[in-house]
Amino acid sequence: MKSKDASQKLIFILIGISMVLMLLLLTGAAPVDRTSQIGRYRLTAMVRGNFPDLFVIDTATGAVKWIGNDEGKPFEQIKGR
């Protein structure tokens, strides 16, 4: 009798574990669309004293550049600091 109860509990535990694993596998991360550039660049402004500093962050590569006299230029042409 005890072995039947233990085997039944083991079956329920294995079913529960397999359901959780299937849920994790089926809801996995989707591939990132690398062609979309929406939201790639972020602009951050800081004020030190009376002078504003503008920084542009490329979220794809992690590059951060300071905007000084480079306003209006593409990100690749900004020299930064």
N, C-alpha and C. Protein backbone atom coordinates (compact mmCIF):
# COMPACT_ATOMS: atom_id res chain seq x y z
N MET A 1 0.81 -1.19 0.00
CA MET A 1 0.00 0.00 0.00
C MET A 1 0.86 1.26 0.00
N LYS A 2 1.92 1.24 0.84
CA LYS A 2 2.78 2.40 0.92
C LYS A 2 3.55 2.62 -0.37
N SER A 3 3.96 1.55 -1.02
CA SER A 3 4.71 1.68 -2.27
C SER A 3 3.82 2.25 -3.38
N LYS A 4 2.53 1.92 -3.35
CA LYS A 4 1.60 2.46 -4.34
C LYS A 4 1.42 3.96 -4.14
N ASP A 5 1.31 4.42 -2.90
CA ASP A 5 1.18 5.84 -2.60
C ASP A 5 2.45 6.61 -2.99
N ALA A 6 3.59 6.01 -2.70
CA ALA A 6 4.86 6.65 -3.02
C ALA A 6 5.05 6.75 -4.53
N SER A 7 4.71 5.69 -5.27
CA SER A 7 4.86 5.75 -6.72
C SER A 7 3.87 6.73 -7.33
N GLN A 8 2.69 6.84 -6.77
CA GLN A 8 1.70 7.79 -7.26
C GLN A 8 2.17 9.23 -7.01
N LYS A 9 2.75 9.49 -5.86
CA LYS A 9 3.28 10.82 -5.57
C LYS A 9 4.44 11.16 -6.51
N LEU A 10 5.29 10.18 -6.78
CA LEU A 10 6.41 10.38 -7.69
C LEU A 10 5.92 10.71 -9.10
N ILE A 11 4.87 10.02 -9.54
CA ILE A 11 4.31 10.30 -10.86
C ILE A 11 3.77 11.73 -10.92
N PHE A 12 3.06 12.16 -9.89
CA PHE A 12 2.53 13.53 -9.86
C PHE A 12 3.66 14.57 -9.84
N ILE A 13 4.71 14.28 -9.11
CA ILE A 13 5.86 15.20 -9.07
C ILE A 13 6.51 15.28 -10.44
N LEU A 14 6.70 14.16 -11.10
CA LEU A 14 7.30 14.16 -12.43
C LEU A 14 6.41 14.87 -13.45
N ILE A 15 5.12 14.68 -13.35
CA ILE A 15 4.19 15.39 -14.25
C ILE A 15 4.28 16.90 -14.01
N GLY A 16 4.34 17.31 -12.76
CA GLY A 16 4.46 18.73 -12.43
C GLY A 16 5.75 19.33 -12.95
N ILE A 17 6.85 18.62 -12.77
CA ILE A 17 8.15 19.11 -13.26
C ILE A 17 8.14 19.20 -14.78
N SER A 18 7.58 18.20 -15.44
CA SER A 18 7.54 18.25 -16.91
C SER A 18 6.65 19.37 -17.41
N MET A 19 5.56 19.68 -16.71
CA MET A 19 4.69 20.79 -17.12
C MET A 19 5.42 22.13 -16.97
N VAL A 20 6.17 22.29 -15.89
CA VAL A 20 6.92 23.53 -15.69
C VAL A 20 8.00 23.66 -16.76
N LEU A 21 8.71 22.58 -17.06
CA LEU A 21 9.74 22.62 -18.10
C LEU A 21 9.14 22.94 -19.47
N MET A 22 8.01 22.35 -19.79
CA MET A 22 7.36 22.64 -21.08
C MET A 22 6.93 24.10 -21.14
N LEU A 23 6.42 24.64 -20.04
CA LEU A 23 6.04 26.04 -20.01
C LEU A 23 7.24 26.93 -20.25
N LEU A 24 8.36 26.62 -19.63
CA LEU A 24 9.57 27.41 -19.81
C LEU A 24 10.10 27.30 -21.24
N LEU A 25 10.05 26.12 -21.82
CA LEU A 25 10.53 25.93 -23.18
C LEU A 25 9.63 26.62 -24.21
N LEU A 26 8.33 26.57 -23.99
CA LEU A 26 7.40 27.16 -24.95
C LEU A 26 7.33 28.67 -24.87
N THR A 27 7.67 29.24 -23.73
CA THR A 27 7.63 30.70 -23.58
C THR A 27 9.03 31.29 -23.58
N GLY A 28 9.95 30.66 -24.28
CA GLY A 28 11.33 31.12 -24.34
C GLY A 28 11.44 32.46 -25.05
N ALA A 29 12.62 33.02 -25.02
CA ALA A 29 12.86 34.33 -25.62
C ALA A 29 12.75 34.23 -27.14
N ALA A 30 12.12 35.23 -27.70
CA ALA A 30 11.99 35.30 -29.16
C ALA A 30 13.26 35.93 -29.74
N PRO A 31 13.59 35.60 -30.96
CA PRO A 31 14.77 36.21 -31.58
C PRO A 31 14.58 37.72 -31.76
N VAL A 32 15.67 38.46 -31.60
CA VAL A 32 15.62 39.91 -31.70
C VAL A 32 15.72 40.31 -33.17
N ASP A 33 14.84 41.21 -33.58
CA ASP A 33 14.87 41.71 -34.95
C ASP A 33 15.95 42.77 -35.05
N ARG A 34 17.08 42.44 -35.64
CA ARG A 34 18.21 43.36 -35.72
C ARG A 34 18.00 44.46 -36.75
N THR A 35 17.01 44.32 -37.63
CA THR A 35 16.80 45.34 -38.66
C THR A 35 16.07 46.55 -38.11
N SER A 36 15.35 46.40 -37.01
CA SER A 36 14.60 47.50 -36.43
C SER A 36 15.53 48.41 -35.63
N GLN A 37 15.53 49.68 -35.94
CA GLN A 37 16.38 50.64 -35.24
C GLN A 37 15.57 51.52 -34.29
N ILE A 38 14.29 51.24 -34.12
CA ILE A 38 13.45 52.05 -33.24
C ILE A 38 13.89 51.84 -31.81
N GLY A 39 14.21 52.92 -31.13
CA GLY A 39 14.62 52.85 -29.74
C GLY A 39 16.08 52.49 -29.54
N ARG A 40 16.87 52.52 -30.60
CA ARG A 40 18.28 52.14 -30.45
C ARG A 40 19.07 53.19 -29.72
N TYR A 41 18.81 54.46 -29.98
CA TYR A 41 19.57 55.55 -29.37
C TYR A 41 18.75 56.22 -28.28
N ARG A 42 19.41 56.54 -27.18
CA ARG A 42 18.76 57.23 -26.06
C ARG A 42 19.52 58.53 -25.81
N LEU A 43 18.79 59.55 -25.47
CA LEU A 43 19.38 60.85 -25.17
C LEU A 43 19.21 61.12 -23.69
N THR A 44 20.29 61.52 -23.05
CA THR A 44 20.27 61.83 -21.62
C THR A 44 20.85 63.23 -21.44
N ALA A 45 20.17 64.04 -20.66
CA ALA A 45 20.63 65.40 -20.40
C ALA A 45 20.96 65.54 -18.91
N MET A 46 22.08 66.19 -18.64
CA MET A 46 22.50 66.49 -17.27
C MET A 46 22.82 67.97 -17.20
N VAL A 47 22.54 68.57 -16.07
CA VAL A 47 22.87 69.99 -15.89
C VAL A 47 23.88 70.09 -14.75
N ARG A 48 25.02 70.68 -15.08
CA ARG A 48 26.05 70.95 -14.07
C ARG A 48 26.22 72.45 -14.00
N GLY A 49 25.80 73.01 -12.89
CA GLY A 49 25.81 74.47 -12.78
C GLY A 49 24.73 75.03 -13.70
N ASN A 50 25.14 75.89 -14.63
CA ASN A 50 24.21 76.43 -15.61
C ASN A 50 24.43 75.84 -16.99
N PHE A 51 25.23 74.81 -17.10
CA PHE A 51 25.59 74.27 -18.40
C PHE A 51 24.98 72.87 -18.59
N PRO A 52 24.18 72.71 -19.63
CA PRO A 52 23.62 71.37 -19.89
C PRO A 52 24.62 70.50 -20.66
N ASP A 53 24.67 69.25 -20.31
CA ASP A 53 25.47 68.26 -21.03
C ASP A 53 24.51 67.25 -21.63
N LEU A 54 24.68 66.97 -22.90
CA LEU A 54 23.85 65.99 -23.59
C LEU A 54 24.69 64.77 -23.95
N PHE A 55 24.16 63.61 -23.65
CA PHE A 55 24.83 62.35 -23.96
C PHE A 55 23.90 61.49 -24.81
N VAL A 56 24.45 60.86 -25.83
CA VAL A 56 23.70 59.92 -26.66
C VAL A 56 24.26 58.53 -26.38
N ILE A 57 23.34 57.59 -26.10
CA ILE A 57 23.72 56.23 -25.78
C ILE A 57 23.22 55.31 -26.89
N ASP A 58 24.12 54.54 -27.48
CA ASP A 58 23.74 53.52 -28.46
C ASP A 58 23.45 52.25 -27.67
N THR A 59 22.18 51.89 -27.56
CA THR A 59 21.80 50.75 -26.73
C THR A 59 22.19 49.42 -27.34
N ALA A 60 22.51 49.38 -28.63
CA ALA A 60 22.93 48.12 -29.26
C ALA A 60 24.39 47.81 -28.95
N THR A 61 25.24 48.83 -28.92
CA THR A 61 26.67 48.60 -28.70
C THR A 61 27.14 49.06 -27.33
N GLY A 62 26.38 49.92 -26.68
CA GLY A 62 26.78 50.44 -25.38
C GLY A 62 27.66 51.68 -25.46
N ALA A 63 27.88 52.20 -26.66
CA ALA A 63 28.72 53.39 -26.82
C ALA A 63 27.98 54.63 -26.30
N VAL A 64 28.70 55.46 -25.56
CA VAL A 64 28.15 56.71 -25.03
C VAL A 64 28.99 57.85 -25.58
N LYS A 65 28.32 58.86 -26.15
CA LYS A 65 29.05 59.99 -26.71
C LYS A 65 28.45 61.29 -26.18
N TRP A 66 29.33 62.24 -25.93
CA TRP A 66 28.92 63.55 -25.44
C TRP A 66 28.68 64.44 -26.65
N ILE A 67 27.56 65.16 -26.63
CA ILE A 67 27.21 66.06 -27.73
C ILE A 67 27.68 67.45 -27.34
N GLY A 68 28.62 67.97 -28.08
CA GLY A 68 29.09 69.34 -27.87
C GLY A 68 28.71 70.17 -29.07
N ASN A 69 29.65 70.36 -29.96
CA ASN A 69 29.39 71.11 -31.19
C ASN A 69 28.99 70.18 -32.32
N ASP A 70 28.64 68.95 -32.00
CA ASP A 70 28.34 67.94 -33.01
C ASP A 70 26.84 67.78 -33.23
N GLU A 71 26.04 68.75 -32.86
CA GLU A 71 24.60 68.61 -33.00
C GLU A 71 24.22 68.48 -34.47
N GLY A 72 23.30 67.57 -34.75
CA GLY A 72 22.82 67.38 -36.11
C GLY A 72 23.63 66.38 -36.92
N LYS A 73 24.70 65.84 -36.37
CA LYS A 73 25.53 64.87 -37.08
C LYS A 73 25.06 63.45 -36.76
N PRO A 74 25.30 62.51 -37.68
CA PRO A 74 25.00 61.10 -37.35
C PRO A 74 25.87 60.61 -36.21
N PHE A 75 25.41 59.56 -35.53
CA PHE A 75 26.10 59.05 -34.34
C PHE A 75 27.54 58.64 -34.65
N GLU A 76 27.76 58.06 -35.82
CA GLU A 76 29.11 57.60 -36.18
C GLU A 76 30.09 58.75 -36.35
N GLN A 77 29.59 59.96 -36.69
CA GLN A 77 30.47 61.11 -36.93
C GLN A 77 30.71 61.94 -35.67
N ILE A 78 30.02 61.65 -34.60
CA ILE A 78 30.22 62.40 -33.36
C ILE A 78 31.51 61.94 -32.70
N LYS A 79 32.39 62.88 -32.43
CA LYS A 79 33.69 62.53 -31.83
C LYS A 79 33.53 62.17 -30.38
N GLY A 80 32.75 62.94 -29.66
CA GLY A 80 32.55 62.68 -28.24
C GLY A 80 33.82 62.92 -27.45
N ARG A 81 33.83 62.43 -26.24
CA ARG A 81 35.00 62.57 -25.36
C ARG A 81 35.39 61.24 -24.81
